[in-house]
Amino acid sequence: MSQLDDASTLSWSTRLKAFLACFILGILLSFLGSFALFLHRGMTVFAVFYTLGNVTSLLSTCFLMGPFNQFHKPGLALLFIIIQSLVMTWYSLSYIPYARDAVKKTVMTCVV
């Protein structure tokens, strides 16, 4: 494993340049995907380019700290999964008339 680390070490300036290149490429891909929404059959092109842009932008941080330093602690990951699920639930409730108001009243009744 140390041989792999020795072979893949990059100088800080090289890491920074690679990060910037990947990050800018990711942002450009995301913007191209956003503009594709206005084209015929733009949803497929949007999905592909926007996803590739986000993944490229996220992977660009691997050049700064390395891929293994990107892993989160399990407890922290679980906390963010719960928060993301709650946010998605709240967003989904916006499509049901008066659902948010009902949830607010229910929570306030339980809390008070």
PDB file of N, CA and C in Angstrom:
ATOM      1  N   MET A   1       0.824  -1.192   0.000  1.00  0.00           N
ATOM      2  CA  MET A   1       0.000   0.000   0.000  1.00  0.00           C
ATOM      3  C   MET A   1       0.868   1.255   0.000  1.00  0.00           C
ATOM      4  N   SER A   2       2.018   1.208   0.699  1.00  0.00           N
ATOM      5  CA  SER A   2       2.876   2.389   0.727  1.00  0.00           C
ATOM      6  C   SER A   2       3.471   2.668  -0.649  1.00  0.00           C
ATOM      7  N   GLN A   3       3.687   1.611  -1.457  1.00  0.00           N
ATOM      8  CA  GLN A   3       4.185   1.828  -2.815  1.00  0.00           C
ATOM      9  C   GLN A   3       3.152   2.588  -3.643  1.00  0.00           C
ATOM     10  N   LEU A   4       1.887   2.265  -3.427  1.00  0.00           N
ATOM     11  CA  LEU A   4       0.826   2.981  -4.137  1.00  0.00           C
ATOM     12  C   LEU A   4       0.790   4.439  -3.709  1.00  0.00           C
ATOM     13  N   ASP A   5       0.957   4.691  -2.404  1.00  0.00           N
ATOM     14  CA  ASP A   5       0.984   6.062  -1.910  1.00  0.00           C
ATOM     15  C   ASP A   5       2.172   6.829  -2.476  1.00  0.00           C
ATOM     16  N   ASP A   6       3.326   6.176  -2.535  1.00  0.00           N
ATOM     17  CA  ASP A   6       4.520   6.837  -3.066  1.00  0.00           C
ATOM     18  C   ASP A   6       4.374   7.159  -4.550  1.00  0.00           C
ATOM     19  N   ALA A   7       3.725   6.262  -5.289  1.00  0.00           N
ATOM     20  CA  ALA A   7       3.584   6.455  -6.726  1.00  0.00           C
ATOM     21  C   ALA A   7       2.524   7.508  -7.061  1.00  0.00           C
ATOM     22  N   SER A   8       1.590   7.746  -6.148  1.00  0.00           N
ATOM     23  CA  SER A   8       0.485   8.645  -6.472  1.00  0.00           C
ATOM     24  C   SER A   8       0.577   9.998  -5.775  1.00  0.00           C
ATOM     25  N   THR A   9       1.668  10.259  -5.086  1.00  0.00           N
ATOM     26  CA  THR A   9       1.765  11.554  -4.416  1.00  0.00           C
ATOM     27  C   THR A   9       2.002  12.652  -5.438  1.00  0.00           C
ATOM     28  N   LEU A  10       1.304  13.732  -5.239  1.00  0.00           N
ATOM     29  CA  LEU A  10       1.417  14.892  -6.118  1.00  0.00           C
ATOM     30  C   LEU A  10       1.806  16.090  -5.274  1.00  0.00           C
ATOM     31  N   SER A  11       2.474  17.043  -5.891  1.00  0.00           N
ATOM     32  CA  SER A  11       2.806  18.257  -5.165  1.00  0.00           C
ATOM     33  C   SER A  11       1.524  19.052  -4.917  1.00  0.00           C
ATOM     34  N   TRP A  12       1.602  19.973  -3.961  1.00  0.00           N
ATOM     35  CA  TRP A  12       0.417  20.750  -3.612  1.00  0.00           C
ATOM     36  C   TRP A  12      -0.063  21.588  -4.795  1.00  0.00           C
ATOM     37  N   SER A  13       0.857  22.164  -5.560  1.00  0.00           N
ATOM     38  CA  SER A  13       0.447  22.982  -6.705  1.00  0.00           C
ATOM     39  C   SER A  13      -0.213  22.121  -7.782  1.00  0.00           C
ATOM     40  N   THR A  14       0.263  20.906  -7.989  1.00  0.00           N
ATOM     41  CA  THR A  14      -0.356  20.006  -8.957  1.00  0.00           C
ATOM     42  C   THR A  14      -1.747  19.600  -8.501  1.00  0.00           C
ATOM     43  N   ARG A  15      -1.876  19.325  -7.205  1.00  0.00           N
ATOM     44  CA  ARG A  15      -3.196  18.981  -6.663  1.00  0.00           C
ATOM     45  C   ARG A  15      -4.172  20.131  -6.832  1.00  0.00           C
ATOM     46  N   LEU A  16      -3.715  21.340  -6.561  1.00  0.00           N
ATOM     47  CA  LEU A  16      -4.577  22.510  -6.668  1.00  0.00           C
ATOM     48  C   LEU A  16      -4.999  22.752  -8.122  1.00  0.00           C
ATOM     49  N   LYS A  17      -4.074  22.588  -9.049  1.00  0.00           N
ATOM     50  CA  LYS A  17      -4.400  22.751 -10.474  1.00  0.00           C
ATOM     51  C   LYS A  17      -5.401  21.697 -10.937  1.00  0.00           C
ATOM     52  N   ALA A  18      -5.196  20.447 -10.518  1.00  0.00           N
ATOM     53  CA  ALA A  18      -6.118  19.375 -10.900  1.00  0.00           C
ATOM     54  C   ALA A  18      -7.495  19.597 -10.286  1.00  0.00           C
ATOM     55  N   PHE A  19      -7.520  20.052  -9.029  1.00  0.00           N
ATOM     56  CA  PHE A  19      -8.799  20.370  -8.386  1.00  0.00           C
ATOM     57  C   PHE A  19      -9.537  21.446  -9.167  1.00  0.00           C
ATOM     58  N   LEU A  20      -8.858  22.550  -9.480  1.00  0.00           N
ATOM     59  CA  LEU A  20      -9.497  23.649 -10.197  1.00  0.00           C
ATOM     60  C   LEU A  20      -9.984  23.213 -11.574  1.00  0.00           C
ATOM     61  N   ALA A  21      -9.177  22.429 -12.276  1.00  0.00           N
ATOM     62  CA  ALA A  21      -9.570  21.964 -13.608  1.00  0.00           C
ATOM     63  C   ALA A  21     -10.828  21.097 -13.532  1.00  0.00           C
ATOM     64  N   CYS A  22     -10.851  20.133 -12.613  1.00  0.00           N
ATOM     65  CA  CYS A  22     -12.026  19.261 -12.488  1.00  0.00           C
ATOM     66  C   CYS A  22     -13.243  20.032 -11.990  1.00  0.00           C
ATOM     67  N   PHE A  23     -13.033  20.937 -11.051  1.00  0.00           N
ATOM     68  CA  PHE A  23     -14.153  21.702 -10.495  1.00  0.00           C
ATOM     69  C   PHE A  23     -14.777  22.604 -11.562  1.00  0.00           C
ATOM     70  N   ILE A  24     -13.935  23.301 -12.324  1.00  0.00           N
ATOM     71  CA  ILE A  24     -14.444  24.181 -13.379  1.00  0.00           C
ATOM     72  C   ILE A  24     -15.128  23.360 -14.475  1.00  0.00           C
ATOM     73  N   LEU A  25     -14.542  22.219 -14.834  1.00  0.00           N
ATOM     74  CA  LEU A  25     -15.176  21.341 -15.816  1.00  0.00           C
ATOM     75  C   LEU A  25     -16.536  20.873 -15.316  1.00  0.00           C
ATOM     76  N   GLY A  26     -16.629  20.525 -14.050  1.00  0.00           N
ATOM     77  CA  GLY A  26     -17.902  20.093 -13.474  1.00  0.00           C
ATOM     78  C   GLY A  26     -18.951  21.192 -13.507  1.00  0.00           C
ATOM     79  N   ILE A  27     -18.551  22.413 -13.178  1.00  0.00           N
ATOM     80  CA  ILE A  27     -19.486  23.539 -13.215  1.00  0.00           C
ATOM     81  C   ILE A  27     -19.951  23.791 -14.654  1.00  0.00           C
ATOM     82  N   LEU A  28     -19.031  23.733 -15.600  1.00  0.00           N
ATOM     83  CA  LEU A  28     -19.395  23.944 -17.007  1.00  0.00           C
ATOM     84  C   LEU A  28     -20.364  22.866 -17.499  1.00  0.00           C
ATOM     85  N   LEU A  29     -20.117  21.617 -17.131  1.00  0.00           N
ATOM     86  CA  LEU A  29     -21.023  20.539 -17.521  1.00  0.00           C
ATOM     87  C   LEU A  29     -22.415  20.749 -16.919  1.00  0.00           C
ATOM     88  N   SER A  30     -22.460  21.200 -15.670  1.00  0.00           N
ATOM     89  CA  SER A  30     -23.747  21.466 -15.028  1.00  0.00           C
ATOM     90  C   SER A  30     -24.490  22.595 -15.729  1.00  0.00           C
ATOM     91  N   PHE A  31     -23.774  23.662 -16.102  1.00  0.00           N
ATOM     92  CA  PHE A  31     -24.405  24.767 -16.820  1.00  0.00           C
ATOM     93  C   PHE A  31     -24.894  24.325 -18.193  1.00  0.00           C
ATOM     94  N   LEU A  32     -24.089  23.530 -18.906  1.00  0.00           N
ATOM     95  CA  LEU A  32     -24.527  23.016 -20.210  1.00  0.00           C
ATOM     96  C   LEU A  32     -25.792  22.182 -20.065  1.00  0.00           C
ATOM     97  N   GLY A  33     -25.836  21.373 -19.018  1.00  0.00           N
ATOM     98  CA  GLY A  33     -27.040  20.597 -18.764  1.00  0.00           C
ATOM     99  C   GLY A  33     -28.238  21.473 -18.486  1.00  0.00           C
ATOM    100  N   SER A  34     -28.029  22.547 -17.747  1.00  0.00           N
ATOM    101  CA  SER A  34     -29.131  23.471 -17.451  1.00  0.00           C
ATOM    102  C   SER A  34     -29.645  24.147 -18.712  1.00  0.00           C
ATOM    103  N   PHE A  35     -28.744  24.533 -19.600  1.00  0.00           N
ATOM    104  CA  PHE A  35     -29.168  25.155 -20.851  1.00  0.00           C
ATOM    105  C   PHE A  35     -29.875  24.161 -21.768  1.00  0.00           C
ATOM    106  N   ALA A  36     -29.571  22.888 -21.611  1.00  0.00           N
ATOM    107  CA  ALA A  36     -30.196  21.861 -22.449  1.00  0.00           C
ATOM    108  C   ALA A  36     -31.683  21.703 -22.143  1.00  0.00           C
ATOM    109  N   LEU A  37     -32.131  22.229 -21.019  1.00  0.00           N
ATOM    110  CA  LEU A  37     -33.553  22.145 -20.703  1.00  0.00           C
ATOM    111  C   LEU A  37     -34.418  22.855 -21.742  1.00  0.00           C
ATOM    112  N   PHE A  38     -33.841  23.811 -22.438  1.00  0.00           N
ATOM    113  CA  PHE A  38     -34.594  24.589 -23.411  1.00  0.00           C
ATOM    114  C   PHE A  38     -34.559  23.974 -24.813  1.00  0.00           C
ATOM    115  N   LEU A  39     -33.891  22.852 -24.961  1.00  0.00           N
ATOM    116  CA  LEU A  39     -33.793  22.190 -26.260  1.00  0.00           C
ATOM    117  C   LEU A  39     -34.835  21.084 -26.378  1.00  0.00           C
ATOM    118  N   HIS A  40     -35.063  20.638 -27.616  1.00  0.00           N
ATOM    119  CA  HIS A  40     -35.936  19.485 -27.844  1.00  0.00           C
ATOM    120  C   HIS A  40     -35.284  18.250 -27.226  1.00  0.00           C
ATOM    121  N   ARG A  41     -36.019  17.477 -26.491  1.00  0.00           N
ATOM    122  CA  ARG A  41     -35.496  16.311 -25.751  1.00  0.00           C
ATOM    123  C   ARG A  41     -34.411  16.728 -24.768  1.00  0.00           C
ATOM    124  N   GLY A  42     -34.588  17.888 -24.198  1.00  0.00           N
ATOM    125  CA  GLY A  42     -33.577  18.434 -23.313  1.00  0.00           C
ATOM    126  C   GLY A  42     -33.473  17.759 -21.967  1.00  0.00           C
ATOM    127  N   MET A  43     -34.513  17.036 -21.541  1.00  0.00           N
ATOM    128  CA  MET A  43     -34.477  16.417 -20.209  1.00  0.00           C
ATOM    129  C   MET A  43     -33.406  15.332 -20.115  1.00  0.00           C
ATOM    130  N   THR A  44     -33.248  14.556 -21.157  1.00  0.00           N
ATOM    131  CA  THR A  44     -32.226  13.498 -21.138  1.00  0.00           C
ATOM    132  C   THR A  44     -30.832  14.105 -21.126  1.00  0.00           C
ATOM    133  N   VAL A  45     -30.620  15.092 -21.975  1.00  0.00           N
ATOM    134  CA  VAL A  45     -29.317  15.763 -22.028  1.00  0.00           C
ATOM    135  C   VAL A  45     -29.054  16.468 -20.701  1.00  0.00           C
ATOM    136  N   PHE A  46     -30.087  17.105 -20.149  1.00  0.00           N
ATOM    137  CA  PHE A  46     -29.947  17.757 -18.849  1.00  0.00           C
ATOM    138  C   PHE A  46     -29.518  16.764 -17.784  1.00  0.00           C
ATOM    139  N   ALA A  47     -30.199  15.640 -17.709  1.00  0.00           N
ATOM    140  CA  ALA A  47     -29.893  14.652 -16.672  1.00  0.00           C
ATOM    141  C   ALA A  47     -28.456  14.150 -16.783  1.00  0.00           C
ATOM    142  N   VAL A  48     -28.021  13.870 -17.999  1.00  0.00           N
ATOM    143  CA  VAL A  48     -26.668  13.343 -18.196  1.00  0.00           C
ATOM    144  C   VAL A  48     -25.610  14.395 -17.846  1.00  0.00           C
ATOM    145  N   PHE A  49     -25.739  15.580 -18.439  1.00  0.00           N
ATOM    146  CA  PHE A  49     -24.724  16.608 -18.232  1.00  0.00           C
ATOM    147  C   PHE A  49     -24.723  17.128 -16.789  1.00  0.00           C
ATOM    148  N   TYR A  50     -25.896  17.309 -16.214  1.00  0.00           N
ATOM    149  CA  TYR A  50     -25.965  17.827 -14.842  1.00  0.00           C
ATOM    150  C   TYR A  50     -25.388  16.815 -13.857  1.00  0.00           C
ATOM    151  N   THR A  51     -25.695  15.537 -14.060  1.00  0.00           N
ATOM    152  CA  THR A  51     -25.148  14.492 -13.190  1.00  0.00           C
ATOM    153  C   THR A  51     -23.641  14.388 -13.346  1.00  0.00           C
ATOM    154  N   LEU A  52     -23.156  14.373 -14.577  1.00  0.00           N
ATOM    155  CA  LEU A  52     -21.705  14.319 -14.802  1.00  0.00           C
ATOM    156  C   LEU A  52     -21.006  15.537 -14.192  1.00  0.00           C
ATOM    157  N   GLY A  53     -21.626  16.699 -14.314  1.00  0.00           N
ATOM    158  CA  GLY A  53     -21.054  17.908 -13.737  1.00  0.00           C
ATOM    159  C   GLY A  53     -20.959  17.837 -12.226  1.00  0.00           C
ATOM    160  N   ASN A  54     -22.019  17.360 -11.586  1.00  0.00           N
ATOM    161  CA  ASN A  54     -21.990  17.246 -10.124  1.00  0.00           C
ATOM    162  C   ASN A  54     -20.976  16.212  -9.652  1.00  0.00           C
ATOM    163  N   VAL A  55     -20.927  15.077 -10.329  1.00  0.00           N
ATOM    164  CA  VAL A  55     -19.971  14.034  -9.944  1.00  0.00           C
ATOM    165  C   VAL A  55     -18.541  14.520 -10.149  1.00  0.00           C
ATOM    166  N   THR A  56     -18.278  15.200 -11.266  1.00  0.00           N
ATOM    167  CA  THR A  56     -16.935  15.728 -11.527  1.00  0.00           C
ATOM    168  C   THR A  56     -16.545  16.764 -10.481  1.00  0.00           C
ATOM    169  N   SER A  57     -17.468  17.639 -10.118  1.00  0.00           N
ATOM    170  CA  SER A  57     -17.183  18.649  -9.090  1.00  0.00           C
ATOM    171  C   SER A  57     -16.898  17.997  -7.738  1.00  0.00           C
ATOM    172  N   LEU A  58     -17.676  16.980  -7.404  1.00  0.00           N
ATOM    173  CA  LEU A  58     -17.452  16.299  -6.128  1.00  0.00           C
ATOM    174  C   LEU A  58     -16.123  15.534  -6.115  1.00  0.00           C
ATOM    175  N   LEU A  59     -15.820  14.890  -7.230  1.00  0.00           N
ATOM    176  CA  LEU A  59     -14.564  14.132  -7.299  1.00  0.00           C
ATOM    177  C   LEU A  59     -13.338  15.034  -7.323  1.00  0.00           C
ATOM    178  N   SER A  60     -13.517  16.295  -7.698  1.00  0.00           N
ATOM    179  CA  SER A  60     -12.378  17.208  -7.737  1.00  0.00           C
ATOM    180  C   SER A  60     -11.766  17.396  -6.347  1.00  0.00           C
ATOM    181  N   THR A  61     -12.565  17.251  -5.308  1.00  0.00           N
ATOM    182  CA  THR A  61     -12.034  17.423  -3.949  1.00  0.00           C
ATOM    183  C   THR A  61     -11.081  16.303  -3.559  1.00  0.00           C
ATOM    184  N   CYS A  62     -11.129  15.192  -4.287  1.00  0.00           N
ATOM    185  CA  CYS A  62     -10.186  14.099  -4.003  1.00  0.00           C
ATOM    186  C   CYS A  62      -8.745  14.528  -4.262  1.00  0.00           C
ATOM    187  N   PHE A  63      -8.550  15.487  -5.163  1.00  0.00           N
ATOM    188  CA  PHE A  63      -7.202  15.970  -5.424  1.00  0.00           C
ATOM    189  C   PHE A  63      -6.651  16.777  -4.249  1.00  0.00           C
ATOM    190  N   LEU A  64      -7.536  17.376  -3.472  1.00  0.00           N
ATOM    191  CA  LEU A  64      -7.067  18.194  -2.349  1.00  0.00           C
ATOM    192  C   LEU A  64      -6.687  17.358  -1.137  1.00  0.00           C
ATOM    193  N   MET A  65      -7.552  16.433  -0.758  1.00  0.00           N
ATOM    194  CA  MET A  65      -7.319  15.674   0.478  1.00  0.00           C
ATOM    195  C   MET A  65      -7.119  14.182   0.244  1.00  0.00           C
ATOM    196  N   GLY A  66      -7.347  13.708  -0.957  1.00  0.00           N
ATOM    197  CA  GLY A  66      -7.231  12.287  -1.241  1.00  0.00           C
ATOM    198  C   GLY A  66      -8.574  11.606  -1.081  1.00  0.00           C
ATOM    199  N   PRO A  67      -8.768  10.492  -1.783  1.00  0.00           N
ATOM    200  CA  PRO A  67     -10.082   9.836  -1.731  1.00  0.00           C
ATOM    201  C   PRO A  67     -10.407   9.218  -0.376  1.00  0.00           C
ATOM    202  N   PHE A  68      -9.410   8.707   0.346  1.00  0.00           N
ATOM    203  CA  PHE A  68      -9.700   8.041   1.610  1.00  0.00           C
ATOM    204  C   PHE A  68     -10.044   9.024   2.716  1.00  0.00           C
ATOM    205  N   ASN A  69      -9.594  10.251   2.613  1.00  0.00           N
ATOM    206  CA  ASN A  69      -9.948  11.269   3.613  1.00  0.00           C
ATOM    207  C   ASN A  69     -11.341  11.831   3.387  1.00  0.00           C
ATOM    208  N   GLN A  70     -12.001  11.431   2.305  1.00  0.00           N
ATOM    209  CA  GLN A  70     -13.339  11.911   2.004  1.00  0.00           C
ATOM    210  C   GLN A  70     -14.429  11.112   2.724  1.00  0.00           C
ATOM    211  N   PHE A  71     -14.076   9.954   3.267  1.00  0.00           N
ATOM    212  CA  PHE A  71     -15.078   9.128   3.939  1.00  0.00           C
ATOM    213  C   PHE A  71     -15.524   9.802   5.228  1.00  0.00           C
ATOM    214  N   HIS A  72     -16.840   9.750   5.501  1.00  0.00           N
ATOM    215  CA  HIS A  72     -17.405  10.329   6.718  1.00  0.00           C
ATOM    216  C   HIS A  72     -17.519   9.253   7.779  1.00  0.00           C
ATOM    217  N   LYS A  73     -17.611   9.668   9.010  1.00  0.00           N
ATOM    218  CA  LYS A  73     -17.863   8.750  10.108  1.00  0.00           C
ATOM    219  C   LYS A  73     -19.294   8.229   9.977  1.00  0.00           C
ATOM    220  N   PRO A  74     -19.539   6.963  10.349  1.00  0.00           N
ATOM    221  CA  PRO A  74     -20.881   6.390  10.163  1.00  0.00           C
ATOM    222  C   PRO A  74     -21.985   7.175  10.884  1.00  0.00           C
ATOM    223  N   GLY A  75     -21.726   7.649  12.088  1.00  0.00           N
ATOM    224  CA  GLY A  75     -22.736   8.405  12.826  1.00  0.00           C
ATOM    225  C   GLY A  75     -23.111   9.695  12.128  1.00  0.00           C
ATOM    226  N   LEU A  76     -22.111  10.375  11.605  1.00  0.00           N
ATOM    227  CA  LEU A  76     -22.349  11.625  10.879  1.00  0.00           C
ATOM    228  C   LEU A  76     -23.111  11.364   9.586  1.00  0.00           C
ATOM    229  N   ALA A  77     -22.749  10.288   8.892  1.00  0.00           N
ATOM    230  CA  ALA A  77     -23.457   9.927   7.660  1.00  0.00           C
ATOM    231  C   ALA A  77     -24.919   9.603   7.961  1.00  0.00           C
ATOM    232  N   LEU A  78     -25.180   8.885   9.044  1.00  0.00           N
ATOM    233  CA  LEU A  78     -26.551   8.558   9.425  1.00  0.00           C
ATOM    234  C   LEU A  78     -27.350   9.823   9.745  1.00  0.00           C
ATOM    235  N   LEU A  79     -26.729  10.765  10.439  1.00  0.00           N
ATOM    236  CA  LEU A  79     -27.394  12.022  10.756  1.00  0.00           C
ATOM    237  C   LEU A  79     -27.800  12.766   9.483  1.00  0.00           C
ATOM    238  N   PHE A  80     -26.911  12.834   8.504  1.00  0.00           N
ATOM    239  CA  PHE A  80     -27.231  13.523   7.260  1.00  0.00           C
ATOM    240  C   PHE A  80     -28.262  12.769   6.425  1.00  0.00           C
ATOM    241  N   ILE A  81     -28.276  11.446   6.514  1.00  0.00           N
ATOM    242  CA  ILE A  81     -29.309  10.668   5.824  1.00  0.00           C
ATOM    243  C   ILE A  81     -30.678  10.984   6.413  1.00  0.00           C
ATOM    244  N   ILE A  82     -30.755  11.080   7.747  1.00  0.00           N
ATOM    245  CA  ILE A  82     -32.012  11.413   8.411  1.00  0.00           C
ATOM    246  C   ILE A  82     -32.464  12.819   8.023  1.00  0.00           C
ATOM    247  N   ILE A  83     -31.526  13.772   8.038  1.00  0.00           N
ATOM    248  CA  ILE A  83     -31.870  15.147   7.667  1.00  0.00           C
ATOM    249  C   ILE A  83     -32.347  15.205   6.224  1.00  0.00           C
ATOM    250  N   GLN A  84     -31.660  14.513   5.328  1.00  0.00           N
ATOM    251  CA  GLN A  84     -32.053  14.513   3.918  1.00  0.00           C
ATOM    252  C   GLN A  84     -33.435  13.888   3.740  1.00  0.00           C
ATOM    253  N   SER A  85     -33.733  12.846   4.471  1.00  0.00           N
ATOM    254  CA  SER A  85     -35.047  12.212   4.386  1.00  0.00           C
ATOM    255  C   SER A  85     -36.145  13.144   4.883  1.00  0.00           C
ATOM    256  N   LEU A  86     -35.867  13.859   5.974  1.00  0.00           N
ATOM    257  CA  LEU A  86     -36.846  14.815   6.489  1.00  0.00           C
ATOM    258  C   LEU A  86     -37.090  15.954   5.503  1.00  0.00           C
ATOM    259  N   VAL A  87     -36.032  16.441   4.899  1.00  0.00           N
ATOM    260  CA  VAL A  87     -36.169  17.511   3.911  1.00  0.00           C
ATOM    261  C   VAL A  87     -36.979  17.028   2.707  1.00  0.00           C
ATOM    262  N   MET A  88     -36.707  15.823   2.241  1.00  0.00           N
ATOM    263  CA  MET A  88     -37.458  15.280   1.101  1.00  0.00           C
ATOM    264  C   MET A  88     -38.925  15.091   1.452  1.00  0.00           C
ATOM    265  N   THR A  89     -39.196  14.656   2.670  1.00  0.00           N
ATOM    266  CA  THR A  89     -40.578  14.510   3.119  1.00  0.00           C
ATOM    267  C   THR A  89     -41.285  15.862   3.140  1.00  0.00           C
ATOM    268  N   TRP A  90     -40.615  16.883   3.690  1.00  0.00           N
ATOM    269  CA  TRP A  90     -41.201  18.222   3.754  1.00  0.00           C
ATOM    270  C   TRP A  90     -41.467  18.766   2.354  1.00  0.00           C
ATOM    271  N   TYR A  91     -40.530  18.540   1.437  1.00  0.00           N
ATOM    272  CA  TYR A  91     -40.701  18.976   0.051  1.00  0.00           C
ATOM    273  C   TYR A  91     -41.875  18.247  -0.602  1.00  0.00           C
ATOM    274  N   SER A  92     -41.980  16.947  -0.375  1.00  0.00           N
ATOM    275  CA  SER A  92     -43.067  16.163  -0.968  1.00  0.00           C
ATOM    276  C   SER A  92     -44.423  16.599  -0.438  1.00  0.00           C
ATOM    277  N   LEU A  93     -44.471  17.020   0.815  1.00  0.00           N
ATOM    278  CA  LEU A  93     -45.733  17.478   1.395  1.00  0.00           C
ATOM    279  C   LEU A  93     -46.241  18.757   0.732  1.00  0.00           C
ATOM    280  N   SER A  94     -45.353  19.487   0.081  1.00  0.00           N
ATOM    281  CA  SER A  94     -45.791  20.727  -0.568  1.00  0.00           C
ATOM    282  C   SER A  94     -46.717  20.461  -1.756  1.00  0.00           C
ATOM    283  N   TYR A  95     -46.731  19.240  -2.265  1.00  0.00           N
ATOM    284  CA  TYR A  95     -47.597  18.898  -3.388  1.00  0.00           C
ATOM    285  C   TYR A  95     -48.987  18.449  -2.946  1.00  0.00           C
ATOM    286  N   ILE A  96     -49.172  18.247  -1.657  1.00  0.00           N
ATOM    287  CA  ILE A  96     -50.475  17.839  -1.121  1.00  0.00           C
ATOM    288  C   ILE A  96     -51.099  19.069  -0.468  1.00  0.00           C
ATOM    289  N   PRO A  97     -52.274  19.457  -0.930  1.00  0.00           N
ATOM    290  CA  PRO A  97     -52.888  20.666  -0.360  1.00  0.00           C
ATOM    291  C   PRO A  97     -53.079  20.562   1.159  1.00  0.00           C
ATOM    292  N   TYR A  98     -52.659  21.564   1.852  1.00  0.00           N
ATOM    293  CA  TYR A  98     -52.799  21.716   3.310  1.00  0.00           C
ATOM    294  C   TYR A  98     -52.026  20.670   4.124  1.00  0.00           C
ATOM    295  N   ALA A  99     -51.179  19.880   3.491  1.00  0.00           N
ATOM    296  CA  ALA A  99     -50.447  18.835   4.228  1.00  0.00           C
ATOM    297  C   ALA A  99     -49.417  19.447   5.175  1.00  0.00           C
ATOM    298  N   ARG A 100     -48.729  20.475   4.740  1.00  0.00           N
ATOM    299  CA  ARG A 100     -47.739  21.114   5.608  1.00  0.00           C
ATOM    300  C   ARG A 100     -48.402  21.731   6.823  1.00  0.00           C
ATOM    301  N   ASP A 101     -49.545  22.372   6.616  1.00  0.00           N
ATOM    302  CA  ASP A 101     -50.262  22.959   7.750  1.00  0.00           C
ATOM    303  C   ASP A 101     -50.686  21.881   8.743  1.00  0.00           C
ATOM    304  N   ALA A 102     -51.159  20.747   8.235  1.00  0.00           N
ATOM    305  CA  ALA A 102     -51.577  19.655   9.113  1.00  0.00           C
ATOM    306  C   ALA A 102     -50.391  19.109   9.907  1.00  0.00           C
ATOM    307  N   VAL A 103     -49.242  18.964   9.253  1.00  0.00           N
ATOM    308  CA  VAL A 103     -48.049  18.468   9.947  1.00  0.00           C
ATOM    309  C   VAL A 103     -47.590  19.473  11.003  1.00  0.00           C
ATOM    310  N   LYS A 104     -47.613  20.763  10.667  1.00  0.00           N
ATOM    311  CA  LYS A 104     -47.224  21.796  11.634  1.00  0.00           C
ATOM    312  C   LYS A 104     -48.117  21.756  12.865  1.00  0.00           C
ATOM    313  N   LYS A 105     -49.429  21.660  12.646  1.00  0.00           N
ATOM    314  CA  LYS A 105     -50.371  21.624  13.772  1.00  0.00           C
ATOM    315  C   LYS A 105     -50.180  20.365  14.609  1.00  0.00           C
ATOM    316  N   THR A 106     -49.929  19.238  13.944  1.00  0.00           N
ATOM    317  CA  THR A 106     -49.710  17.986  14.684  1.00  0.00           C
ATOM    318  C   THR A 106     -48.450  18.065  15.539  1.00  0.00           C
ATOM    319  N   VAL A 107     -47.384  18.581  14.971  1.00  0.00           N
ATOM    320  CA  VAL A 107     -46.120  18.701  15.715  1.00  0.00           C
ATOM    321  C   VAL A 107     -46.275  19.671  16.870  1.00  0.00           C
ATOM    322  N   MET A 108     -46.932  20.789  16.622  1.00  0.00           N
ATOM    323  CA  MET A 108     -47.133  21.776  17.708  1.00  0.00           C
ATOM    324  C   MET A 108     -47.996  21.194  18.831  1.00  0.00           C
ATOM    325  N   THR A 109     -48.976  20.379  18.490  1.00  0.00           N
ATOM    326  CA  THR A 109     -49.807  19.739  19.511  1.00  0.00           C
ATOM    327  C   THR A 109     -48.992  18.747  20.330  1.00  0.00           C
ATOM    328  N   CYS A 110     -48.120  18.003  19.672  1.00  0.00           N
ATOM    329  CA  CYS A 110     -47.292  17.010  20.379  1.00  0.00           C
ATOM    330  C   CYS A 110     -46.219  17.690  21.246  1.00  0.00           C
ATOM    331  N   VAL A 111     -45.677  18.798  20.795  1.00  0.00           N
ATOM    332  CA  VAL A 111     -44.597  19.467  21.503  1.00  0.00           C
ATOM    333  C   VAL A 111     -45.132  20.222  22.719  1.00  0.00           C
ATOM    334  N   VAL A 112     -46.243  20.903  22.545  1.00  0.00           N
ATOM    335  CA  VAL A 112     -46.800  21.740  23.601  1.00  0.00           C
ATOM    336  C   VAL A 112     -47.630  20.933  24.514  1.00  0.00           C
TER     337      VAL A 112
END
